[in-house]
Amino acid sequence: MKLFEKMKQVRFARPARPNRRQVKTGAMATVTCVLVVAVVVAANAAFAALPVSLTRADLTSTGLYTLSDTTKTMLSGMEKDVTAYYIAQIGSEDSLVTGMLDRYAEAGDHFTWQQEDPVENPTFAHNYDDASEGSVVVTCGDKYQVLGLYDLYTYDYDYTTGASSQSFDGENQLTAALRYVTSDVTPIVYLLQGHQEASLSSSFTTALQNQNLTTETLNLVNTETVPEDAAAVMMVSPQKDLTAEETERLRGYLEGGGNLVLFTDLTDTEMPNLYALLDEYGMAPSGGLVVEGDSQHIYGRVPYQTLPDIQSSSLLSGVDQNGYVLMSSSTGIVIDTDVRSTLTVSSLLQTSDSAYSKPGWQNLTTWDKEDGDLAGPFSLGAWASETVDDTETNVVWFASSSLLNDEADLYMNGNNSAVVLSVLGSLCGQDVESTGIAAKSVDVEYLTLTTGQANLWSIITMYLLPAAAVAVGIAIVIKRRKA
């Protein structure tokens, strides 16, 4: 009872009421915290909404994260809506691909893209031929083009050194796909057959497709006329002459405003019909193997591997005139200066003045110039254009099919194919400026130091910099003590 009485006498202190100042301080602290959190959240949201170009700086030497002016121009002028679908599992995306698609969407109002997860939507890829995981499907209305993983990346291997390299070709492929799906018409280039012609390589065929050109074969023995939908006829390294009937049919096509692109190679076979047709357009063969006498126009110290000068021409507006093209085992093209007034013949590729043509090329004993050799310069690529009653005819002749060789094109950094694509694009009404977006290397560039350089930097980082830091610290301490 006494304990209970004592407990009753105990008075519990009531907590003191906070004064106004304390309440105000606490409220301000709470509001400040809320505002800071809100500002951070808003800043993150605003940063995420910024364009990719403002949030990601491209510090690569190849401009890996920057769109070319060609692509920007095409996107800004595009009037049709294009949707790209990237088939990839969520969490397994290729950052180069998604970054590229983001930049396209930012640069073009009519371009959008979305990701399709093959796990969540396994039947999506079945709607498009050749589509699979890693593919980008570019669609516009009913037209589409599938870019596979091996289209987006290119791989090179040097069998001599064993070195390999990898490049991202996504922009070139995607811009070409945009051109294809938004185009109302795809010009057709007919490949003439029946004379043991050479075939186009798969890489060059792909390059034609990237320029929105398609190819079909044509045999004038079985067909009386060139199809009306022919944008151009192409003949690659024929080993047999045209028949009289074929020549007449091809002549009729040209007189009606056709375009012919011809590649010839040295051969023992006489071709009077083909050369007679070319003669009508002011061009004739030199009749021998062109040998270059100027070392600055020779590749690999082989005098018949020539590096002709690229001439200024509207057909070559998309080509660097200061670049090189490689043509091997060429016959010279002699341009007739005395032609009818409606016909204009000009050189596209030309040797130096020191070049000469050796007629006895089958049994050569020396590369030196001899009596009987025809003096240059020669055209190795020529263009004849004629306009009659508003009907324009074009004949382009290249004196060697090596211009189409993949290996030669690689040696010349793509200039060989650039010349041919520019010619075909111009004749077929395509935008030649929109071709040739170079693939961009994704290889890691290592810093290489010599032994002396490595030792120097070791001394600097291990001894000089620490010693300098200690010296600065000592100086600061001494200064403070004196103060």
Protein backbone atom coordinates (compact mmCIF):
# COMPACT_ATOMS: atom_id res chain seq x y z
CA MET A 1 0.00 0.00 0.00
CA LYS A 2 2.79 2.40 0.83
CA LEU A 3 4.37 1.72 -2.51
CA PHE A 4 1.06 2.39 -4.24
CA GLU A 5 0.64 5.63 -2.29
CA LYS A 6 4.09 6.75 -3.33
CA MET A 7 3.33 5.97 -6.95
CA LYS A 8 0.21 8.09 -6.75
CA GLN A 9 2.29 10.96 -5.50
CA VAL A 10 4.64 10.73 -8.49
CA ARG A 11 3.87 13.33 -11.12
CA PHE A 12 4.82 12.59 -14.70
CA ALA A 13 6.20 15.56 -16.54
CA ARG A 14 4.27 16.53 -19.62
CA PRO A 15 6.30 17.06 -22.74
CA ALA A 16 6.89 20.70 -23.40
CA ARG A 17 4.96 22.19 -26.25
CA PRO A 18 7.18 23.19 -29.14
CA ASN A 19 7.29 26.88 -29.63
CA ARG A 20 6.51 28.54 -32.93
CA ARG A 21 10.12 28.85 -33.88
CA GLN A 22 10.71 25.12 -33.53
CA VAL A 23 7.57 24.32 -35.51
CA LYS A 24 8.59 26.70 -38.24
CA THR A 25 12.11 25.27 -38.41
CA GLY A 26 10.84 21.68 -38.60
CA ALA A 27 8.32 22.55 -41.28
CA MET A 28 10.95 24.31 -43.35
CA ALA A 29 13.28 21.31 -43.04
CA THR A 30 10.52 18.97 -44.20
CA VAL A 31 9.57 21.21 -47.10
CA THR A 32 13.23 21.56 -48.07
CA CYS A 33 13.70 17.78 -48.13
CA VAL A 34 10.58 17.35 -50.26
CA LEU A 35 11.71 20.08 -52.65
CA VAL A 36 15.21 18.59 -52.97
CA VAL A 37 13.76 15.16 -53.75
CA ALA A 38 11.32 16.70 -56.24
CA VAL A 39 14.11 18.66 -57.94
CA VAL A 40 16.30 15.55 -58.21
CA VAL A 41 13.43 13.50 -59.67
CA ALA A 42 12.50 16.28 -62.10
CA ALA A 43 16.13 16.76 -63.13
CA ASN A 44 16.51 13.04 -63.84
CA ALA A 45 13.28 13.01 -65.84
CA ALA A 46 14.33 16.10 -67.80
CA PHE A 47 17.77 14.65 -68.48
CA ALA A 48 16.24 11.40 -69.70
CA ALA A 49 13.98 13.36 -72.06
CA LEU A 50 16.87 15.25 -73.64
CA PRO A 51 17.91 14.27 -77.18
CA VAL A 52 20.58 11.59 -77.46
CA SER A 53 22.92 14.08 -79.12
CA LEU A 54 22.94 16.18 -75.93
CA THR A 55 23.36 13.36 -73.44
CA ARG A 56 25.99 11.30 -75.23
CA ALA A 57 29.17 12.88 -76.51
CA ASP A 58 30.85 11.11 -79.44
CA LEU A 59 34.54 10.95 -78.59
CA THR A 60 35.39 8.22 -81.13
CA SER A 61 37.79 8.98 -83.97
CA THR A 62 35.43 7.35 -86.50
CA GLY A 63 32.26 9.18 -85.42
CA LEU A 64 30.67 5.93 -84.29
CA TYR A 65 27.85 7.73 -82.48
CA THR A 66 27.28 10.50 -85.03
CA LEU A 67 24.97 10.41 -88.06
CA SER A 68 26.40 11.50 -91.40
CA ASP A 69 25.08 14.54 -93.25
CA THR A 70 23.76 12.14 -95.90
CA THR A 71 21.51 10.41 -93.39
CA LYS A 72 20.39 13.66 -91.76
CA THR A 73 19.43 15.11 -95.15
CA MET A 74 17.46 12.02 -96.07
CA LEU A 75 15.61 11.90 -92.74
CA SER A 76 14.73 15.58 -92.83
CA GLY A 77 13.31 15.24 -96.34
CA MET A 78 11.45 11.98 -95.75
CA GLU A 79 7.67 12.37 -96.11
CA LYS A 80 6.52 8.79 -95.52
CA ASP A 81 6.19 7.22 -92.08
CA VAL A 82 8.73 4.48 -91.42
CA THR A 83 8.76 2.12 -88.46
CA ALA A 84 11.73 -0.05 -87.56
CA TYR A 85 11.40 -3.11 -85.34
CA TYR A 86 14.43 -4.31 -83.41
CA ILE A 87 14.10 -8.01 -82.55
CA ALA A 88 15.99 -8.53 -79.30
CA GLN A 89 15.33 -9.83 -75.82
CA ILE A 90 14.87 -7.19 -73.16
CA GLY A 91 18.18 -6.81 -71.38
CA SER A 92 20.19 -8.28 -74.29
CA GLU A 93 20.05 -5.33 -76.69
CA ASP A 94 23.04 -4.17 -78.70
CA SER A 95 23.73 -0.64 -77.48
CA LEU A 96 25.15 0.38 -80.87
CA VAL A 97 21.91 -0.63 -82.59
CA THR A 98 19.57 0.98 -80.06
CA GLY A 99 21.70 4.12 -79.97
CA MET A 100 21.62 4.35 -83.75
CA LEU A 101 17.84 3.92 -83.83
CA ASP A 102 17.47 6.63 -81.19
CA ARG A 103 19.54 9.03 -83.27
CA TYR A 104 17.46 8.29 -86.38
CA ALA A 105 14.23 8.92 -84.45
CA GLU A 106 15.64 12.17 -83.12
CA ALA A 107 16.72 13.39 -86.58
CA GLY A 108 13.56 12.42 -88.48
CA ASP A 109 9.95 13.22 -87.62
CA HIS A 110 8.70 10.34 -89.77
CA PHE A 111 10.94 7.66 -88.27
CA THR A 112 10.02 5.62 -85.20
CA TRP A 113 11.21 2.34 -83.79
CA GLN A 114 10.21 -0.19 -81.20
CA GLN A 115 11.66 -3.33 -79.72
CA GLU A 116 10.10 -6.75 -80.18
CA ASP A 117 11.13 -9.37 -77.62
CA PRO A 118 11.21 -12.81 -79.31
CA VAL A 119 10.40 -14.43 -75.97
CA GLU A 120 7.27 -12.37 -75.38
CA ASN A 121 6.29 -12.35 -79.07
CA PRO A 122 7.85 -15.45 -80.66
CA THR A 123 5.78 -15.24 -83.87
CA PHE A 124 6.73 -11.67 -84.82
CA ALA A 125 9.82 -12.63 -86.84
CA HIS A 126 7.75 -15.12 -88.86
CA ASN A 127 5.95 -12.22 -90.53
CA TYR A 128 9.13 -11.15 -92.36
CA ASP A 129 11.39 -13.30 -94.53
CA ASP A 130 14.90 -13.87 -93.09
CA ALA A 131 14.08 -12.02 -89.85
CA SER A 132 15.55 -13.46 -86.65
CA GLU A 133 16.82 -12.35 -83.27
CA GLY A 134 19.19 -9.43 -83.70
CA SER A 135 17.53 -8.27 -86.93
CA VAL A 136 16.17 -4.81 -87.64
CA VAL A 137 13.03 -4.84 -89.80
CA VAL A 138 12.42 -1.54 -91.61
CA THR A 139 8.83 -1.08 -92.79
CA CYS A 140 6.87 1.50 -94.76
CA GLY A 141 3.38 0.47 -95.76
CA ASP A 142 3.60 -2.94 -97.44
CA LYS A 143 7.32 -2.66 -98.21
CA TYR A 144 9.95 -3.86 -95.80
CA GLN A 145 13.61 -4.78 -95.65
CA VAL A 146 15.31 -7.00 -93.09
CA LEU A 147 18.77 -6.11 -91.82
CA GLY A 148 20.39 -9.12 -90.22
CA LEU A 149 23.18 -9.14 -87.69
CA TYR A 150 25.77 -9.77 -90.40
CA ASP A 151 24.40 -6.83 -92.38
CA LEU A 152 24.93 -4.48 -89.46
CA TYR A 153 28.52 -5.59 -88.84
CA THR A 154 31.37 -6.26 -91.25
CA TYR A 155 34.34 -8.46 -90.46
CA ASP A 156 37.73 -8.38 -92.17
CA TYR A 157 40.56 -10.86 -91.81
CA ASP A 158 44.08 -10.41 -93.14
CA TYR A 159 45.38 -13.85 -94.06
CA THR A 160 48.91 -12.48 -94.34
CA THR A 161 49.19 -11.02 -90.84
CA GLY A 162 46.36 -12.88 -89.13
CA ALA A 163 44.87 -9.59 -87.96
CA SER A 164 41.10 -9.21 -87.84
CA SER A 165 38.88 -6.17 -87.57
CA GLN A 166 35.21 -5.46 -86.98
CA SER A 167 33.20 -2.46 -88.16
CA PHE A 168 29.66 -1.26 -87.56
CA ASP A 169 27.87 -0.75 -90.89
CA GLY A 170 24.48 -0.03 -89.37
CA GLU A 171 24.06 3.52 -90.65
CA ASN A 172 24.90 2.61 -94.24
CA GLN A 173 22.51 -0.35 -94.18
CA LEU A 174 19.67 1.46 -92.42
CA THR A 175 19.85 4.53 -94.67
CA ALA A 176 19.84 2.25 -97.72
CA ALA A 177 16.82 0.41 -96.31
CA LEU A 178 15.01 3.72 -95.79
CA ARG A 179 15.71 4.65 -99.39
CA TYR A 180 14.31 1.31 -100.54
CA VAL A 181 11.10 1.20 -98.49
CA THR A 182 10.19 4.84 -99.16
CA SER A 183 10.83 4.66 -102.89
CA ASP A 184 7.80 4.27 -105.14
CA VAL A 185 9.82 2.72 -107.97
CA THR A 186 12.86 0.42 -107.93
CA PRO A 187 14.82 0.80 -111.18
CA ILE A 188 15.85 -2.43 -112.91
CA VAL A 189 19.31 -2.97 -114.39
CA TYR A 190 19.23 -5.83 -116.91
CA LEU A 191 22.37 -7.98 -117.08
CA LEU A 192 22.96 -9.13 -120.65
CA GLN A 193 23.54 -12.89 -120.92
CA GLY A 194 24.51 -15.39 -123.62
CA HIS A 195 28.12 -14.33 -124.28
CA GLN A 196 29.90 -16.03 -121.36
CA GLU A 197 29.66 -12.88 -119.29
CA ALA A 198 31.09 -12.70 -115.78
CA SER A 199 28.74 -12.69 -112.80
CA LEU A 200 28.45 -9.88 -110.31
CA SER A 201 29.76 -10.62 -106.83
CA SER A 202 27.29 -10.90 -103.99
CA SER A 203 28.79 -7.84 -102.30
CA PHE A 204 28.35 -5.69 -105.40
CA THR A 205 24.80 -6.97 -105.86
CA THR A 206 24.12 -5.93 -102.27
CA ALA A 207 25.64 -2.52 -103.00
CA LEU A 208 23.21 -2.13 -105.91
CA GLN A 209 20.31 -3.04 -103.65
CA ASN A 210 21.51 -0.49 -101.12
CA GLN A 211 21.19 2.11 -103.85
CA ASN A 212 17.63 0.93 -104.53
CA LEU A 213 18.58 -0.82 -107.77
CA THR A 214 17.60 -4.36 -108.65
CA THR A 215 19.01 -6.65 -111.32
CA GLU A 216 17.48 -9.12 -113.74
CA THR A 217 19.01 -11.15 -116.56
CA LEU A 218 18.31 -10.54 -120.24
CA ASN A 219 19.05 -12.69 -123.28
CA LEU A 220 18.43 -10.82 -126.52
CA VAL A 221 18.52 -14.06 -128.50
CA ASN A 222 15.26 -15.11 -126.87
CA THR A 223 13.81 -11.61 -126.47
CA GLU A 224 13.16 -9.38 -129.44
CA THR A 225 13.31 -6.12 -127.49
CA VAL A 226 14.77 -4.80 -124.29
CA PRO A 227 11.98 -4.60 -121.67
CA GLU A 228 10.37 -1.19 -121.33
CA ASP A 229 11.07 -1.09 -117.59
CA ALA A 230 14.84 -1.28 -118.15
CA ALA A 231 16.60 1.64 -116.47
CA ALA A 232 19.87 0.39 -117.96
CA VAL A 233 21.46 -2.62 -119.64
CA MET A 234 24.75 -3.87 -118.24
CA MET A 235 27.23 -6.19 -119.96
CA VAL A 236 30.15 -7.57 -117.93
CA SER A 237 33.23 -9.04 -119.60
CA PRO A 238 31.68 -10.79 -122.63
CA GLN A 239 33.84 -13.53 -124.15
CA LYS A 240 31.75 -13.85 -127.32
CA ASP A 241 30.50 -11.25 -129.77
CA LEU A 242 26.93 -10.10 -130.16
CA THR A 243 25.01 -11.62 -133.02
CA ALA A 244 23.73 -9.35 -135.77
CA GLU A 245 20.18 -9.68 -134.40
CA GLU A 246 21.28 -8.85 -130.85
CA THR A 247 23.23 -5.85 -132.09
CA GLU A 248 20.22 -4.51 -133.94
CA ARG A 249 17.97 -4.97 -130.91
CA LEU A 250 20.46 -3.26 -128.63
CA ARG A 251 20.87 -0.44 -131.15
CA GLY A 252 17.11 0.06 -131.23
CA TYR A 253 17.02 0.22 -127.44
CA LEU A 254 19.75 2.87 -127.37
CA GLU A 255 18.17 4.97 -130.10
CA GLY A 256 14.97 4.98 -128.08
CA GLY A 257 16.72 6.59 -125.12
CA GLY A 258 18.39 3.61 -123.46
CA ASN A 259 21.43 3.37 -121.20
CA LEU A 260 24.24 0.86 -121.71
CA VAL A 261 27.06 0.21 -119.22
CA LEU A 262 29.77 -2.06 -120.62
CA PHE A 263 32.82 -3.72 -119.04
CA THR A 264 35.28 -5.43 -121.38
CA ASP A 265 38.47 -7.41 -120.84
CA LEU A 266 41.38 -8.35 -123.07
CA THR A 267 40.51 -11.35 -125.21
CA ASP A 268 41.68 -13.02 -128.41
CA THR A 269 38.08 -13.23 -129.60
CA GLU A 270 37.13 -10.84 -132.36
CA MET A 271 34.02 -8.79 -131.60
CA PRO A 272 33.19 -6.82 -134.74
CA ASN A 273 29.50 -6.35 -133.94
CA LEU A 274 30.05 -5.03 -130.42
CA TYR A 275 32.88 -2.71 -131.44
CA ALA A 276 30.92 -1.47 -134.46
CA LEU A 277 28.11 -0.43 -132.10
CA LEU A 278 30.59 1.38 -129.84
CA ASP A 279 32.16 3.05 -132.87
CA GLU A 280 28.77 4.58 -133.67
CA TYR A 281 29.10 6.39 -130.35
CA GLY A 282 32.63 7.66 -130.93
CA MET A 283 34.62 5.03 -129.02
CA ALA A 284 37.07 2.35 -130.20
CA PRO A 285 39.56 -0.05 -128.54
CA SER A 286 43.28 0.69 -128.73
CA GLY A 287 43.89 -2.94 -129.64
CA GLY A 288 46.41 -3.80 -126.95
CA LEU A 289 47.31 -3.97 -123.28
CA VAL A 290 47.67 -0.58 -121.58
CA VAL A 291 50.98 -0.22 -119.76
CA GLU A 292 51.50 2.76 -117.48
CA GLY A 293 54.84 4.56 -117.79
CA ASP A 294 54.36 6.87 -114.81
CA SER A 295 55.21 5.25 -111.46
CA GLN A 296 52.68 7.51 -109.73
CA HIS A 297 49.93 5.77 -111.71
CA ILE A 298 51.05 2.19 -111.03
CA TYR A 299 49.89 -0.08 -108.22
CA GLY A 300 52.24 -2.64 -106.68
CA ARG A 301 55.05 -1.95 -109.18
CA VAL A 302 53.11 -3.89 -111.83
CA PRO A 303 52.85 -1.60 -114.88
CA TYR A 304 49.56 -3.04 -116.15
CA GLN A 305 47.90 -2.44 -112.76
CA THR A 306 47.02 1.17 -113.43
CA LEU A 307 45.69 3.96 -111.24
CA PRO A 308 43.90 6.23 -113.72
CA ASP A 309 42.90 9.78 -112.89
CA ILE A 310 39.22 10.30 -112.08
CA GLN A 311 37.87 13.01 -114.38
CA SER A 312 35.32 15.66 -113.50
CA SER A 313 31.90 14.51 -114.70
CA SER A 314 28.26 14.78 -113.69
CA LEU A 315 28.17 10.97 -113.69
CA LEU A 316 30.82 10.92 -110.96
CA SER A 317 29.43 13.63 -108.69
CA GLY A 318 29.44 11.25 -105.73
CA VAL A 319 33.09 10.23 -106.15
CA ASP A 320 36.22 11.77 -104.65
CA GLN A 321 38.25 12.91 -107.66
CA ASN A 322 41.42 12.87 -105.57
CA GLY A 323 40.96 9.18 -104.78
CA TYR A 324 42.30 6.18 -106.66
CA VAL A 325 40.71 3.38 -108.63
CA LEU A 326 42.54 0.22 -109.64
CA MET A 327 42.17 -1.23 -113.13
CA SER A 328 44.20 -4.23 -114.24
CA SER A 329 44.91 -5.62 -117.72
CA SER A 330 42.96 -2.90 -119.47
CA THR A 331 42.62 -2.15 -123.13
CA GLY A 332 42.69 1.53 -123.97
CA ILE A 333 39.65 3.40 -125.22
CA VAL A 334 40.32 5.81 -128.06
CA ILE A 335 37.81 8.66 -128.22
CA ASP A 336 36.90 10.01 -131.63
CA THR A 337 37.00 13.80 -131.68
CA ASP A 338 35.18 14.07 -135.02
CA VAL A 339 31.62 13.05 -134.15
CA ARG A 340 28.14 14.26 -135.07
CA SER A 341 26.89 17.42 -133.41
CA THR A 342 24.31 15.62 -131.28
CA LEU A 343 26.92 13.34 -129.69
CA THR A 344 29.26 14.19 -126.82
CA VAL A 345 32.04 11.81 -125.80
CA SER A 346 34.16 12.40 -122.70
CA SER A 347 36.65 10.54 -120.55
CA LEU A 348 35.75 9.33 -117.06
CA LEU A 349 39.02 7.58 -116.16
CA GLN A 350 42.28 8.45 -117.88
CA THR A 351 45.88 7.27 -117.83
CA SER A 352 48.87 9.56 -117.65
CA ASP A 353 50.54 10.90 -120.79
CA SER A 354 53.30 8.32 -120.26
CA ALA A 355 51.00 5.33 -120.84
CA TYR A 356 51.23 3.23 -123.99
CA SER A 357 49.39 0.28 -125.50
CA LYS A 358 51.18 -2.94 -126.47
CA PRO A 359 49.37 -4.74 -129.31
CA GLY A 360 51.36 -7.97 -128.92
CA TRP A 361 50.24 -8.48 -125.34
CA GLN A 362 49.94 -12.28 -125.74
CA ASN A 363 53.73 -12.68 -126.20
CA LEU A 364 55.34 -9.87 -124.24
CA THR A 365 59.07 -9.96 -123.59
CA THR A 366 59.42 -6.54 -121.96
CA TRP A 367 57.29 -3.90 -120.29
CA ASP A 368 59.37 -1.14 -121.86
CA LYS A 369 57.93 0.90 -124.69
CA GLU A 370 58.89 -0.50 -128.10
CA ASP A 371 58.45 0.46 -131.71
CA GLY A 372 54.88 -0.20 -132.74
CA ASP A 373 53.41 0.54 -129.31
CA LEU A 374 50.63 3.10 -129.41
CA ALA A 375 51.32 6.22 -127.34
CA GLY A 376 48.80 7.43 -124.77
CA PRO A 377 47.08 8.88 -122.92
CA PHE A 378 44.09 6.54 -123.03
CA SER A 379 40.67 6.56 -121.51
CA LEU A 380 39.99 3.52 -119.35
CA GLY A 381 36.43 4.70 -118.84
CA ALA A 382 34.47 6.79 -121.35
CA TRP A 383 30.95 8.20 -121.63
CA ALA A 384 29.04 8.90 -124.82
CA SER A 385 25.84 10.91 -124.49
CA GLU A 386 23.47 11.89 -127.28
CA THR A 387 20.23 13.86 -127.22
CA VAL A 388 17.93 13.77 -130.25
CA ASP A 389 14.42 15.26 -130.06
CA ASP A 390 14.50 15.28 -126.25
CA THR A 391 15.51 11.60 -126.21
CA GLU A 392 18.77 11.00 -124.34
CA THR A 393 21.01 8.00 -124.95
CA ASN A 394 23.99 7.08 -122.77
CA VAL A 395 26.76 4.56 -123.37
CA VAL A 396 29.42 4.10 -120.67
CA TRP A 397 32.38 1.84 -121.40
CA PHE A 398 34.95 0.67 -118.85
CA ALA A 399 38.01 -1.04 -120.33
CA SER A 400 38.41 -3.64 -117.56
CA SER A 401 35.99 -5.58 -115.38
CA SER A 402 38.56 -5.43 -112.57
CA LEU A 403 36.69 -2.30 -111.57
CA LEU A 404 34.08 -4.72 -110.16
CA ASN A 405 36.60 -6.91 -108.33
CA ASP A 406 35.97 -7.05 -104.57
CA GLU A 407 39.65 -7.33 -103.67
CA ALA A 408 40.63 -4.39 -105.86
CA ASP A 409 37.79 -2.38 -104.35
CA LEU A 410 39.10 -3.19 -100.87
CA TYR A 411 42.58 -2.01 -101.81
CA MET A 412 41.12 1.28 -103.07
CA ASN A 413 38.95 1.84 -99.98
CA GLY A 414 35.73 1.40 -101.94
CA ASN A 415 36.52 3.86 -104.74
CA ASN A 416 36.16 1.23 -107.48
CA SER A 417 32.58 0.41 -106.53
CA ALA A 418 31.87 4.09 -105.84
CA VAL A 419 32.65 4.92 -109.48
CA VAL A 420 30.36 2.21 -110.86
CA LEU A 421 27.55 2.93 -108.40
CA SER A 422 27.75 6.63 -109.15
CA VAL A 423 27.44 5.96 -112.89
CA LEU A 424 24.53 3.54 -112.50
CA GLY A 425 22.82 5.75 -109.95
CA SER A 426 23.06 8.78 -112.22
CA LEU A 427 21.79 6.93 -115.29
CA CYS A 428 18.93 5.36 -113.33
CA GLY A 429 17.85 8.59 -111.69
CA GLN A 430 19.03 7.72 -108.19
CA ASP A 431 20.53 10.11 -105.65
CA VAL A 432 24.22 9.32 -105.93
CA GLU A 433 25.03 11.61 -103.01
CA SER A 434 23.24 9.22 -100.64
CA THR A 435 25.61 6.31 -101.20
CA GLY A 436 28.88 5.31 -99.70
CA ILE A 437 28.41 5.79 -95.93
CA ALA A 438 31.53 4.15 -94.60
CA ALA A 439 31.42 1.44 -91.96
CA LYS A 440 32.87 2.57 -88.63
CA SER A 441 35.45 0.56 -86.76
CA VAL A 442 34.50 -0.77 -83.33
CA ASP A 443 37.92 -2.25 -82.60
CA VAL A 444 39.62 -1.13 -79.41
CA GLU A 445 42.56 1.12 -80.18
CA TYR A 446 45.36 0.25 -77.80
CA LEU A 447 48.00 2.74 -76.72
CA THR A 448 51.33 1.37 -77.88
CA LEU A 449 54.49 2.48 -76.08
CA THR A 450 58.08 1.65 -76.77
CA THR A 451 60.23 0.30 -73.94
CA GLY A 452 61.83 3.71 -73.47
CA GLN A 453 58.45 5.45 -73.33
CA ALA A 454 57.13 2.88 -70.85
CA ASN A 455 60.16 3.38 -68.58
CA LEU A 456 59.77 7.16 -68.75
CA TRP A 457 56.10 7.07 -67.76
CA SER A 458 56.87 4.59 -64.98
CA ILE A 459 59.38 7.02 -63.48
CA ILE A 460 56.92 9.91 -63.80
CA THR A 461 53.97 8.11 -62.20
CA MET A 462 55.84 6.11 -59.56
CA TYR A 463 58.43 8.66 -58.42
CA LEU A 464 58.10 12.18 -59.79
CA LEU A 465 54.36 12.72 -59.23
CA PRO A 466 54.37 11.33 -55.64
CA ALA A 467 57.50 13.38 -54.86
CA ALA A 468 55.84 16.50 -56.24
CA ALA A 469 52.73 15.86 -54.11
CA VAL A 470 54.86 15.44 -50.95
CA ALA A 471 56.81 18.62 -51.75
CA VAL A 472 53.61 20.62 -52.19
CA GLY A 473 52.28 19.27 -48.89
CA ILE A 474 55.46 20.21 -47.03
CA ALA A 475 55.37 23.70 -48.52
CA ILE A 476 51.77 24.19 -47.38
CA VAL A 477 52.56 23.03 -43.82
CA ILE A 478 55.57 25.34 -43.56
CA LYS A 479 53.55 28.27 -44.85
CA ARG A 480 50.78 27.67 -42.29
CA ARG A 481 53.23 27.44 -39.39
CA LYS A 482 54.85 30.70 -40.34
CA ALA A 483 51.44 32.32 -40.52
